[in-house]
Amino acid sequence: MLTTAKIIFAMFLWASCYPLITIGIAYAPHLSFATLRAVIAGVTLLAIALALRRPFPRSWKTWITLAAIGFGATSLGYFGMFHAAEFVSPGIATVITNTQPLMAAALAGVVLGERLTVWGKSGLVLGFLGIVVIAAPRLFGGGQESYLIGITYIILAALGITISNVMLKRIADTVDPLMAISVQLLIGSIPLAMIAVVTEDFTVIEWSPGFLFALVGLAVFGSALVYVIWMSVLAEVPLSKANAFSFLVPIFGLTMGLLYYGESLGWPELIGTSLSLAGVMMVIRKGMAPPTLFGVSA
């Protein structure tokens, strides 16, 4: 019962990411906000890892891989997420990002040589068809250039997270997971900070209660705490069983969008969401998606 509660809570925290980003970008430039999230989360997790005496990565190959993972999951992932929140409602953004396991399964087939069964291929087709059904009405409805930009950012974020999860599988047996997450967050924050320094003004951040709520919610709860919870879950149950609850993320995300952001869902969104969820579950239940340490919403 406790393990199930932890899994559900982790899914809720991941689902809250886009809503919290939507709140925060009203008070701070996108990449400055993203950098703060990554640094605070990375430092918090590193402090926990050191307190637990987790070993530092030693091999230079491991460090290079972690740097690449950080660039994918944090640099590209956060770059896409924090910009997408400006153009796409948080509920729909959560649904589309949640198809990341589909991309991971497809990429694993190419990079890791993992073969997809007919069931898995059907799940991929169904999941991506769901995205098309969700996006098509607005993309082809005219005057929706900003929506296309938002979808592009979401796909960029999902691809970054996907590539990182696949790369992580290559070093999963050689590095402590908690240390790996903290290191990649800190490394990945560097490109974000560099771009932010050049393109944004850090001094315009409005340190209001609303911004602090969003920042702490994202960095401490939506990044650091959720990974600690997820690691404890994976120590108790198989990954396939834990991932089976991932369908809750878009449900939580859509619920938050409806309750707090006034999102309206038409038949295309409802049908597309159902198709995407079905596709993701078909892939995950067959164990064809690589380990997911970065969450469906990072």
C-alpha atoms as a PDB file:
ATOM      1  CA  MET A   1       0.000   0.000   0.000  1.00  0.00           C
ATOM      2  CA  LEU A   2       2.802   2.428   0.933  1.00  0.00           C
ATOM      3  CA  THR A   3       4.720   1.663  -2.253  1.00  0.00           C
ATOM      4  CA  THR A   4       1.621   2.256  -4.366  1.00  0.00           C
ATOM      5  CA  ALA A   5       1.037   5.561  -2.585  1.00  0.00           C
ATOM      6  CA  LYS A   6       4.622   6.613  -3.329  1.00  0.00           C
ATOM      7  CA  ILE A   7       4.230   5.733  -7.008  1.00  0.00           C
ATOM      8  CA  ILE A   8       1.009   7.725  -7.284  1.00  0.00           C
ATOM      9  CA  PHE A   9       2.599  10.681  -5.484  1.00  0.00           C
ATOM     10  CA  ALA A  10       5.592  10.566  -7.853  1.00  0.00           C
ATOM     11  CA  MET A  11       3.260  10.621 -10.858  1.00  0.00           C
ATOM     12  CA  PHE A  12       1.427  13.597  -9.352  1.00  0.00           C
ATOM     13  CA  LEU A  13       4.699  15.479  -8.855  1.00  0.00           C
ATOM     14  CA  TRP A  14       5.772  14.832 -12.453  1.00  0.00           C
ATOM     15  CA  ALA A  15       2.345  15.916 -13.700  1.00  0.00           C
ATOM     16  CA  SER A  16       2.654  19.203 -11.808  1.00  0.00           C
ATOM     17  CA  CYS A  17       5.765  20.275 -13.735  1.00  0.00           C
ATOM     18  CA  TYR A  18       4.110  22.010 -16.686  1.00  0.00           C
ATOM     19  CA  PRO A  19       1.496  23.770 -14.512  1.00  0.00           C
ATOM     20  CA  LEU A  20       4.262  25.075 -12.242  1.00  0.00           C
ATOM     21  CA  ILE A  21       6.358  26.188 -15.218  1.00  0.00           C
ATOM     22  CA  THR A  22       3.317  28.061 -16.542  1.00  0.00           C
ATOM     23  CA  ILE A  23       3.063  29.891 -13.217  1.00  0.00           C
ATOM     24  CA  GLY A  24       6.767  30.688 -13.014  1.00  0.00           C
ATOM     25  CA  ILE A  25       7.369  32.087 -16.505  1.00  0.00           C
ATOM     26  CA  ALA A  26       5.017  34.945 -15.644  1.00  0.00           C
ATOM     27  CA  TYR A  27       7.646  36.154 -13.171  1.00  0.00           C
ATOM     28  CA  ALA A  28      10.979  35.166 -14.732  1.00  0.00           C
ATOM     29  CA  PRO A  29      12.685  34.731 -18.114  1.00  0.00           C
ATOM     30  CA  HIS A  30      12.360  31.174 -19.375  1.00  0.00           C
ATOM     31  CA  LEU A  31      15.966  29.985 -19.272  1.00  0.00           C
ATOM     32  CA  SER A  32      16.872  31.838 -16.083  1.00  0.00           C
ATOM     33  CA  PHE A  33      13.972  30.020 -14.446  1.00  0.00           C
ATOM     34  CA  ALA A  34      15.079  26.712 -15.979  1.00  0.00           C
ATOM     35  CA  THR A  35      18.659  27.225 -14.782  1.00  0.00           C
ATOM     36  CA  LEU A  36      17.516  27.922 -11.231  1.00  0.00           C
ATOM     37  CA  ARG A  37      15.426  24.760 -11.230  1.00  0.00           C
ATOM     38  CA  ALA A  38      18.304  22.609 -12.467  1.00  0.00           C
ATOM     39  CA  VAL A  39      20.892  24.065 -10.078  1.00  0.00           C
ATOM     40  CA  ILE A  40      18.702  23.900  -6.969  1.00  0.00           C
ATOM     41  CA  ALA A  41      17.573  20.365  -7.784  1.00  0.00           C
ATOM     42  CA  GLY A  42      21.108  19.238  -8.609  1.00  0.00           C
ATOM     43  CA  VAL A  43      22.620  20.682  -5.441  1.00  0.00           C
ATOM     44  CA  THR A  44      19.825  19.196  -3.317  1.00  0.00           C
ATOM     45  CA  LEU A  45      20.285  15.724  -4.789  1.00  0.00           C
ATOM     46  CA  LEU A  46      24.070  15.969  -4.579  1.00  0.00           C
ATOM     47  CA  ALA A  47      23.826  16.860  -0.881  1.00  0.00           C
ATOM     48  CA  ILE A  48      21.581  13.835  -0.314  1.00  0.00           C
ATOM     49  CA  ALA A  49      23.936  11.579  -2.275  1.00  0.00           C
ATOM     50  CA  LEU A  50      26.951  12.783  -0.289  1.00  0.00           C
ATOM     51  CA  ALA A  51      25.083  12.378   3.009  1.00  0.00           C
ATOM     52  CA  LEU A  52      24.309   8.784   2.018  1.00  0.00           C
ATOM     53  CA  ARG A  53      27.964   8.325   0.978  1.00  0.00           C
ATOM     54  CA  ARG A  54      27.095   7.380  -2.563  1.00  0.00           C
ATOM     55  CA  PRO A  55      30.208   6.956  -4.749  1.00  0.00           C
ATOM     56  CA  PHE A  56      31.264   9.547  -7.310  1.00  0.00           C
ATOM     57  CA  PRO A  57      31.580   8.363 -10.914  1.00  0.00           C
ATOM     58  CA  ARG A  58      35.216   7.441 -11.514  1.00  0.00           C
ATOM     59  CA  SER A  59      35.596   6.479 -15.153  1.00  0.00           C
ATOM     60  CA  TRP A  60      36.143   9.321 -17.606  1.00  0.00           C
ATOM     61  CA  LYS A  61      33.845   7.493 -20.020  1.00  0.00           C
ATOM     62  CA  THR A  62      31.105   7.609 -17.391  1.00  0.00           C
ATOM     63  CA  TRP A  63      31.631  11.352 -16.937  1.00  0.00           C
ATOM     64  CA  ILE A  64      31.429  11.927 -20.684  1.00  0.00           C
ATOM     65  CA  THR A  65      28.226   9.904 -20.845  1.00  0.00           C
ATOM     66  CA  LEU A  66      26.761  11.817 -17.887  1.00  0.00           C
ATOM     67  CA  ALA A  67      27.632  15.081 -19.621  1.00  0.00           C
ATOM     68  CA  ALA A  68      25.787  13.908 -22.728  1.00  0.00           C
ATOM     69  CA  ILE A  69      22.847  12.779 -20.585  1.00  0.00           C
ATOM     70  CA  GLY A  70      22.804  16.173 -18.877  1.00  0.00           C
ATOM     71  CA  PHE A  71      22.758  17.940 -22.225  1.00  0.00           C
ATOM     72  CA  GLY A  72      19.821  15.817 -23.364  1.00  0.00           C
ATOM     73  CA  ALA A  73      17.671  15.556 -20.232  1.00  0.00           C
ATOM     74  CA  THR A  74      18.398  18.944 -18.677  1.00  0.00           C
ATOM     75  CA  SER A  75      19.726  21.305 -21.368  1.00  0.00           C
ATOM     76  CA  LEU A  76      17.443  20.236 -24.229  1.00  0.00           C
ATOM     77  CA  GLY A  77      14.687  18.930 -21.967  1.00  0.00           C
ATOM     78  CA  TYR A  78      14.341  22.109 -19.911  1.00  0.00           C
ATOM     79  CA  PHE A  79      14.919  24.363 -22.922  1.00  0.00           C
ATOM     80  CA  GLY A  80      11.978  22.732 -24.666  1.00  0.00           C
ATOM     81  CA  MET A  81       9.702  22.475 -21.630  1.00  0.00           C
ATOM     82  CA  PHE A  82      10.115  26.031 -20.385  1.00  0.00           C
ATOM     83  CA  HIS A  83       9.552  27.502 -23.848  1.00  0.00           C
ATOM     84  CA  ALA A  84       6.654  25.176 -24.701  1.00  0.00           C
ATOM     85  CA  ALA A  85       4.744  26.364 -21.635  1.00  0.00           C
ATOM     86  CA  GLU A  86       4.375  29.766 -23.317  1.00  0.00           C
ATOM     87  CA  PHE A  87       2.482  28.348 -26.301  1.00  0.00           C
ATOM     88  CA  VAL A  88       0.684  25.153 -25.207  1.00  0.00           C
ATOM     89  CA  SER A  89      -1.668  24.608 -22.275  1.00  0.00           C
ATOM     90  CA  PRO A  90      -0.096  22.592 -19.424  1.00  0.00           C
ATOM     91  CA  GLY A  91      -2.537  19.686 -19.634  1.00  0.00           C
ATOM     92  CA  ILE A  92      -1.992  19.012 -23.341  1.00  0.00           C
ATOM     93  CA  ALA A  93       1.766  19.578 -22.945  1.00  0.00           C
ATOM     94  CA  THR A  94       1.847  16.909 -20.234  1.00  0.00           C
ATOM     95  CA  VAL A  95      -0.033  14.442 -22.446  1.00  0.00           C
ATOM     96  CA  ILE A  96       2.307  14.897 -25.412  1.00  0.00           C
ATOM     97  CA  THR A  97       5.453  14.759 -23.276  1.00  0.00           C
ATOM     98  CA  ASN A  98       4.126  11.573 -21.686  1.00  0.00           C
ATOM     99  CA  THR A  99       4.639   9.771 -25.009  1.00  0.00           C
ATOM    100  CA  GLN A 100       8.375   9.842 -24.294  1.00  0.00           C
ATOM    101  CA  PRO A 101       8.429   6.067 -23.566  1.00  0.00           C
ATOM    102  CA  LEU A 102       7.302   5.503 -27.165  1.00  0.00           C
ATOM    103  CA  MET A 103      10.256   7.477 -28.485  1.00  0.00           C
ATOM    104  CA  ALA A 104      12.558   5.629 -26.074  1.00  0.00           C
ATOM    105  CA  ALA A 105      11.354   2.240 -27.280  1.00  0.00           C
ATOM    106  CA  ALA A 106      11.821   3.254 -30.914  1.00  0.00           C
ATOM    107  CA  LEU A 107      15.298   4.688 -30.274  1.00  0.00           C
ATOM    108  CA  ALA A 108      16.342   1.662 -28.216  1.00  0.00           C
ATOM    109  CA  GLY A 109      15.529  -0.499 -31.199  1.00  0.00           C
ATOM    110  CA  VAL A 110      18.008   1.474 -33.300  1.00  0.00           C
ATOM    111  CA  VAL A 111      20.753   2.255 -30.767  1.00  0.00           C
ATOM    112  CA  LEU A 112      20.622  -0.766 -28.455  1.00  0.00           C
ATOM    113  CA  GLY A 113      19.397  -3.312 -30.982  1.00  0.00           C
ATOM    114  CA  GLU A 114      16.292  -4.119 -28.945  1.00  0.00           C
ATOM    115  CA  ARG A 115      13.669  -5.628 -31.242  1.00  0.00           C
ATOM    116  CA  LEU A 116      10.081  -4.481 -31.052  1.00  0.00           C
ATOM    117  CA  THR A 117       7.343  -7.087 -31.206  1.00  0.00           C
ATOM    118  CA  VAL A 118       4.197  -6.630 -33.268  1.00  0.00           C
ATOM    119  CA  TRP A 119       2.495  -5.535 -30.038  1.00  0.00           C
ATOM    120  CA  GLY A 120       5.195  -2.938 -29.437  1.00  0.00           C
ATOM    121  CA  LYS A 121       5.064  -1.608 -32.992  1.00  0.00           C
ATOM    122  CA  SER A 122       1.291  -1.336 -32.722  1.00  0.00           C
ATOM    123  CA  GLY A 123       1.719   0.649 -29.505  1.00  0.00           C
ATOM    124  CA  LEU A 124       4.123   3.054 -31.220  1.00  0.00           C
ATOM    125  CA  VAL A 125       1.743   3.645 -34.118  1.00  0.00           C
ATOM    126  CA  LEU A 126      -1.223   4.095 -31.789  1.00  0.00           C
ATOM    127  CA  GLY A 127       0.640   6.488 -29.492  1.00  0.00           C
ATOM    128  CA  PHE A 128       1.934   8.739 -32.240  1.00  0.00           C
ATOM    129  CA  LEU A 129      -1.462   8.673 -33.943  1.00  0.00           C
ATOM    130  CA  GLY A 130      -2.862  10.062 -30.708  1.00  0.00           C
ATOM    131  CA  ILE A 131      -0.466  13.020 -30.883  1.00  0.00           C
ATOM    132  CA  VAL A 132      -1.569  13.731 -34.453  1.00  0.00           C
ATOM    133  CA  VAL A 133      -5.234  13.617 -33.436  1.00  0.00           C
ATOM    134  CA  ILE A 134      -4.571  16.034 -30.557  1.00  0.00           C
ATOM    135  CA  ALA A 135      -2.527  18.507 -32.573  1.00  0.00           C
ATOM    136  CA  ALA A 136      -4.100  18.372 -36.044  1.00  0.00           C
ATOM    137  CA  PRO A 137      -7.254  20.465 -35.444  1.00  0.00           C
ATOM    138  CA  ARG A 138      -5.260  23.431 -34.159  1.00  0.00           C
ATOM    139  CA  LEU A 139      -2.324  23.008 -36.523  1.00  0.00           C
ATOM    140  CA  PHE A 140      -4.523  22.985 -39.617  1.00  0.00           C
ATOM    141  CA  GLY A 141      -7.189  25.322 -38.332  1.00  0.00           C
ATOM    142  CA  GLY A 142      -5.369  28.430 -39.494  1.00  0.00           C
ATOM    143  CA  GLY A 143      -3.568  31.101 -37.486  1.00  0.00           C
ATOM    144  CA  GLN A 144      -2.010  28.564 -35.154  1.00  0.00           C
ATOM    145  CA  GLU A 145       1.680  29.196 -35.797  1.00  0.00           C
ATOM    146  CA  SER A 146       2.333  29.666 -32.089  1.00  0.00           C
ATOM    147  CA  TYR A 147       0.760  26.281 -31.330  1.00  0.00           C
ATOM    148  CA  LEU A 148       3.096  24.632 -33.846  1.00  0.00           C
ATOM    149  CA  ILE A 149       6.037  26.338 -32.139  1.00  0.00           C
ATOM    150  CA  GLY A 150       4.864  24.986 -28.799  1.00  0.00           C
ATOM    151  CA  ILE A 151       4.465  21.437 -30.127  1.00  0.00           C
ATOM    152  CA  THR A 152       7.969  21.650 -31.600  1.00  0.00           C
ATOM    153  CA  TYR A 153       9.389  22.666 -28.216  1.00  0.00           C
ATOM    154  CA  ILE A 154       7.572  19.777 -26.517  1.00  0.00           C
ATOM    155  CA  ILE A 155       8.948  17.282 -29.030  1.00  0.00           C
ATOM    156  CA  LEU A 156      12.445  18.736 -28.535  1.00  0.00           C
ATOM    157  CA  ALA A 157      12.118  18.250 -24.775  1.00  0.00           C
ATOM    158  CA  ALA A 158      10.786  14.712 -25.157  1.00  0.00           C
ATOM    159  CA  LEU A 159      13.594  13.797 -27.561  1.00  0.00           C
ATOM    160  CA  GLY A 160      16.210  15.137 -25.157  1.00  0.00           C
ATOM    161  CA  ILE A 161      14.777  13.080 -22.301  1.00  0.00           C
ATOM    162  CA  THR A 162      14.416  10.040 -24.566  1.00  0.00           C
ATOM    163  CA  ILE A 163      18.026  10.096 -25.730  1.00  0.00           C
ATOM    164  CA  SER A 164      19.211  10.508 -22.142  1.00  0.00           C
ATOM    165  CA  ASN A 165      17.177   7.554 -20.881  1.00  0.00           C
ATOM    166  CA  VAL A 166      18.575   5.335 -23.630  1.00  0.00           C
ATOM    167  CA  MET A 167      22.139   6.491 -22.891  1.00  0.00           C
ATOM    168  CA  LEU A 168      21.580   5.946 -19.183  1.00  0.00           C
ATOM    169  CA  LYS A 169      20.869   2.284 -19.847  1.00  0.00           C
ATOM    170  CA  ARG A 170      24.442   1.912 -21.101  1.00  0.00           C
ATOM    171  CA  ILE A 171      25.956   3.001 -17.770  1.00  0.00           C
ATOM    172  CA  ALA A 172      23.200   1.895 -15.392  1.00  0.00           C
ATOM    173  CA  ASP A 173      25.413  -0.797 -13.854  1.00  0.00           C
ATOM    174  CA  THR A 174      28.457   1.446 -13.405  1.00  0.00           C
ATOM    175  CA  VAL A 175      27.112   4.561 -11.668  1.00  0.00           C
ATOM    176  CA  ASP A 176      24.957   5.263  -8.622  1.00  0.00           C
ATOM    177  CA  PRO A 177      21.522   6.477  -9.841  1.00  0.00           C
ATOM    178  CA  LEU A 178      21.191   9.274  -7.282  1.00  0.00           C
ATOM    179  CA  MET A 179      24.659  10.585  -8.055  1.00  0.00           C
ATOM    180  CA  ALA A 180      23.998  10.281 -11.791  1.00  0.00           C
ATOM    181  CA  ILE A 181      20.834  12.387 -11.603  1.00  0.00           C
ATOM    182  CA  SER A 182      22.478  15.117  -9.517  1.00  0.00           C
ATOM    183  CA  VAL A 183      25.563  15.299 -11.733  1.00  0.00           C
ATOM    184  CA  GLN A 184      23.609  15.438 -14.982  1.00  0.00           C
ATOM    185  CA  LEU A 185      21.371  18.201 -13.604  1.00  0.00           C
ATOM    186  CA  LEU A 186      24.363  20.347 -12.671  1.00  0.00           C
ATOM    187  CA  ILE A 187      26.197  19.699 -15.940  1.00  0.00           C
ATOM    188  CA  GLY A 188      23.041  20.278 -17.953  1.00  0.00           C
ATOM    189  CA  SER A 189      22.427  23.594 -16.201  1.00  0.00           C
ATOM    190  CA  ILE A 190      25.638  25.055 -17.654  1.00  0.00           C
ATOM    191  CA  PRO A 191      24.424  25.470 -21.285  1.00  0.00           C
ATOM    192  CA  LEU A 192      21.115  26.837 -19.978  1.00  0.00           C
ATOM    193  CA  ALA A 193      22.944  29.401 -17.859  1.00  0.00           C
ATOM    194  CA  MET A 194      25.240  30.407 -20.729  1.00  0.00           C
ATOM    195  CA  ILE A 195      22.317  31.031 -23.086  1.00  0.00           C
ATOM    196  CA  ALA A 196      20.400  32.845 -20.344  1.00  0.00           C
ATOM    197  CA  VAL A 197      23.316  35.193 -19.665  1.00  0.00           C
ATOM    198  CA  VAL A 198      23.503  36.144 -23.345  1.00  0.00           C
ATOM    199  CA  THR A 199      19.785  36.393 -24.151  1.00  0.00           C
ATOM    200  CA  GLU A 200      18.045  37.282 -20.871  1.00  0.00           C
ATOM    201  CA  ASP A 201      18.223  39.713 -17.976  1.00  0.00           C
ATOM    202  CA  PHE A 202      18.399  37.835 -14.680  1.00  0.00           C
ATOM    203  CA  THR A 203      17.665  40.997 -12.705  1.00  0.00           C
ATOM    204  CA  VAL A 204      14.079  41.212 -13.993  1.00  0.00           C
ATOM    205  CA  ILE A 205      13.054  38.104 -12.036  1.00  0.00           C
ATOM    206  CA  GLU A 206      10.174  38.996  -9.742  1.00  0.00           C
ATOM    207  CA  TRP A 207      10.859  37.130  -6.503  1.00  0.00           C
ATOM    208  CA  SER A 208       7.189  37.037  -5.570  1.00  0.00           C
ATOM    209  CA  PRO A 209       5.424  34.354  -3.513  1.00  0.00           C
ATOM    210  CA  GLY A 210       3.998  32.967  -6.755  1.00  0.00           C
ATOM    211  CA  PHE A 211       7.437  32.584  -8.325  1.00  0.00           C
ATOM    212  CA  LEU A 212       8.975  31.087  -5.182  1.00  0.00           C
ATOM    213  CA  PHE A 213       6.092  28.620  -4.993  1.00  0.00           C
ATOM    214  CA  ALA A 214       6.691  27.548  -8.600  1.00  0.00           C
ATOM    215  CA  LEU A 215      10.480  27.393  -8.202  1.00  0.00           C
ATOM    216  CA  VAL A 216      10.456  25.382  -4.978  1.00  0.00           C
ATOM    217  CA  GLY A 217       7.695  23.162  -6.318  1.00  0.00           C
ATOM    218  CA  LEU A 218       9.693  22.383  -9.457  1.00  0.00           C
ATOM    219  CA  ALA A 219      13.214  22.164  -8.056  1.00  0.00           C
ATOM    220  CA  VAL A 220      12.669  20.578  -4.650  1.00  0.00           C
ATOM    221  CA  PHE A 221       9.478  18.582  -5.144  1.00  0.00           C
ATOM    222  CA  GLY A 222       9.187  18.095  -8.930  1.00  0.00           C
ATOM    223  CA  SER A 223      12.876  17.257  -9.401  1.00  0.00           C
ATOM    224  CA  ALA A 224      14.768  16.333  -6.220  1.00  0.00           C
ATOM    225  CA  LEU A 225      12.074  14.740  -4.053  1.00  0.00           C
ATOM    226  CA  VAL A 226      10.414  12.876  -6.897  1.00  0.00           C
ATOM    227  CA  TYR A 227      13.710  11.202  -7.857  1.00  0.00           C
ATOM    228  CA  VAL A 228      14.355  10.140  -4.262  1.00  0.00           C
ATOM    229  CA  ILE A 229      10.844   8.689  -4.118  1.00  0.00           C
ATOM    230  CA  TRP A 230      11.275   6.994  -7.494  1.00  0.00           C
ATOM    231  CA  MET A 231      14.581   5.415  -6.452  1.00  0.00           C
ATOM    232  CA  SER A 232      12.967   4.032  -3.299  1.00  0.00           C
ATOM    233  CA  VAL A 233      10.089   2.656  -5.371  1.00  0.00           C
ATOM    234  CA  LEU A 234      12.419   0.895  -7.812  1.00  0.00           C
ATOM    235  CA  ALA A 235      14.201  -0.686  -4.846  1.00  0.00           C
ATOM    236  CA  GLU A 236      10.912  -2.321  -3.860  1.00  0.00           C
ATOM    237  CA  VAL A 237       9.124  -3.197  -7.110  1.00  0.00           C
ATOM    238  CA  PRO A 238      10.148  -4.012 -10.705  1.00  0.00           C
ATOM    239  CA  LEU A 239      10.422  -1.095 -13.125  1.00  0.00           C
ATOM    240  CA  SER A 240       7.680  -2.526 -15.332  1.00  0.00           C
ATOM    241  CA  LYS A 241       5.216  -2.525 -12.432  1.00  0.00           C
ATOM    242  CA  ALA A 242       6.121   1.015 -11.385  1.00  0.00           C
ATOM    243  CA  ASN A 243       5.917   2.315 -14.956  1.00  0.00           C
ATOM    244  CA  ALA A 244       2.447   0.797 -15.297  1.00  0.00           C
ATOM    245  CA  PHE A 245       1.175   3.764 -13.280  1.00  0.00           C
ATOM    246  CA  SER A 246       2.480   6.297 -15.810  1.00  0.00           C
ATOM    247  CA  PHE A 247      -1.022   6.661 -17.257  1.00  0.00           C
ATOM    248  CA  LEU A 248      -1.778   8.776 -14.182  1.00  0.00           C
ATOM    249  CA  VAL A 249       0.567  11.570 -15.290  1.00  0.00           C
ATOM    250  CA  PRO A 250      -1.541  12.875 -18.209  1.00  0.00           C
ATOM    251  CA  ILE A 251      -4.710  12.332 -16.168  1.00  0.00           C
ATOM    252  CA  PHE A 252      -3.319  14.447 -13.328  1.00  0.00           C
ATOM    253  CA  GLY A 253      -1.984  16.985 -15.841  1.00  0.00           C
ATOM    254  CA  LEU A 254      -5.301  17.351 -17.635  1.00  0.00           C
ATOM    255  CA  THR A 255      -7.150  17.618 -14.320  1.00  0.00           C
ATOM    256  CA  MET A 256      -4.873  20.453 -13.189  1.00  0.00           C
ATOM    257  CA  GLY A 257      -5.353  22.154 -16.547  1.00  0.00           C
ATOM    258  CA  LEU A 258      -9.122  21.925 -16.270  1.00  0.00           C
ATOM    259  CA  LEU A 259      -9.322  23.061 -12.645  1.00  0.00           C
ATOM    260  CA  TYR A 260      -6.714  25.810 -12.540  1.00  0.00           C
ATOM    261  CA  TYR A 261      -6.175  26.968 -16.131  1.00  0.00           C
ATOM    262  CA  GLY A 262      -9.635  26.657 -17.622  1.00  0.00           C
ATOM    263  CA  GLU A 263      -8.515  24.253 -20.338  1.00  0.00           C
ATOM    264  CA  SER A 264     -11.317  22.996 -22.537  1.00  0.00           C
ATOM    265  CA  LEU A 265     -11.061  19.537 -24.057  1.00  0.00           C
ATOM    266  CA  GLY A 266     -12.908  18.725 -27.250  1.00  0.00           C
ATOM    267  CA  TRP A 267     -13.372  15.336 -28.834  1.00  0.00           C
ATOM    268  CA  PRO A 268     -10.000  15.462 -30.665  1.00  0.00           C
ATOM    269  CA  GLU A 269      -8.138  16.005 -27.381  1.00  0.00           C
ATOM    270  CA  LEU A 270     -10.088  13.282 -25.584  1.00  0.00           C
ATOM    271  CA  ILE A 271      -9.705  10.742 -28.394  1.00  0.00           C
ATOM    272  CA  GLY A 272      -6.052  11.622 -28.980  1.00  0.00           C
ATOM    273  CA  THR A 273      -5.237  11.367 -25.280  1.00  0.00           C
ATOM    274  CA  SER A 274      -6.907   7.953 -25.092  1.00  0.00           C
ATOM    275  CA  LEU A 275      -4.949   6.703 -28.121  1.00  0.00           C
ATOM    276  CA  SER A 276      -1.640   7.988 -26.749  1.00  0.00           C
ATOM    277  CA  LEU A 277      -2.275   6.465 -23.329  1.00  0.00           C
ATOM    278  CA  ALA A 278      -3.156   3.124 -24.900  1.00  0.00           C
ATOM    279  CA  GLY A 279      -0.004   3.177 -27.021  1.00  0.00           C
ATOM    280  CA  VAL A 280       2.240   4.033 -24.080  1.00  0.00           C
ATOM    281  CA  MET A 281       0.733   1.281 -21.927  1.00  0.00           C
ATOM    282  CA  MET A 282       1.139  -1.285 -24.730  1.00  0.00           C
ATOM    283  CA  VAL A 283       4.853  -0.502 -24.921  1.00  0.00           C
ATOM    284  CA  ILE A 284       5.461  -0.246 -21.163  1.00  0.00           C
ATOM    285  CA  ARG A 285       3.534  -3.383 -20.180  1.00  0.00           C
ATOM    286  CA  LYS A 286       5.660  -5.429 -22.548  1.00  0.00           C
ATOM    287  CA  GLY A 287       8.812  -4.007 -20.964  1.00  0.00           C
ATOM    288  CA  MET A 288      10.047  -2.527 -24.219  1.00  0.00           C
ATOM    289  CA  ALA A 289      10.723   0.990 -22.947  1.00  0.00           C
ATOM    290  CA  PRO A 290      14.196   1.638 -21.476  1.00  0.00           C
ATOM    291  CA  PRO A 291      14.477   2.522 -17.764  1.00  0.00           C
ATOM    292  CA  THR A 292      12.928   5.896 -17.046  1.00  0.00           C
ATOM    293  CA  LEU A 293      14.883   7.799 -14.407  1.00  0.00           C
ATOM    294  CA  PHE A 294      14.040  11.237 -15.733  1.00  0.00           C
ATOM    295  CA  GLY A 295      10.281  10.910 -15.528  1.00  0.00           C
ATOM    296  CA  VAL A 296       7.747  11.571 -18.195  1.00  0.00           C
ATOM    297  CA  SER A 297       7.976  15.293 -17.587  1.00  0.00           C
ATOM    298  CA  ALA A 298      11.524  15.509 -16.399  1.00  0.00           C
END
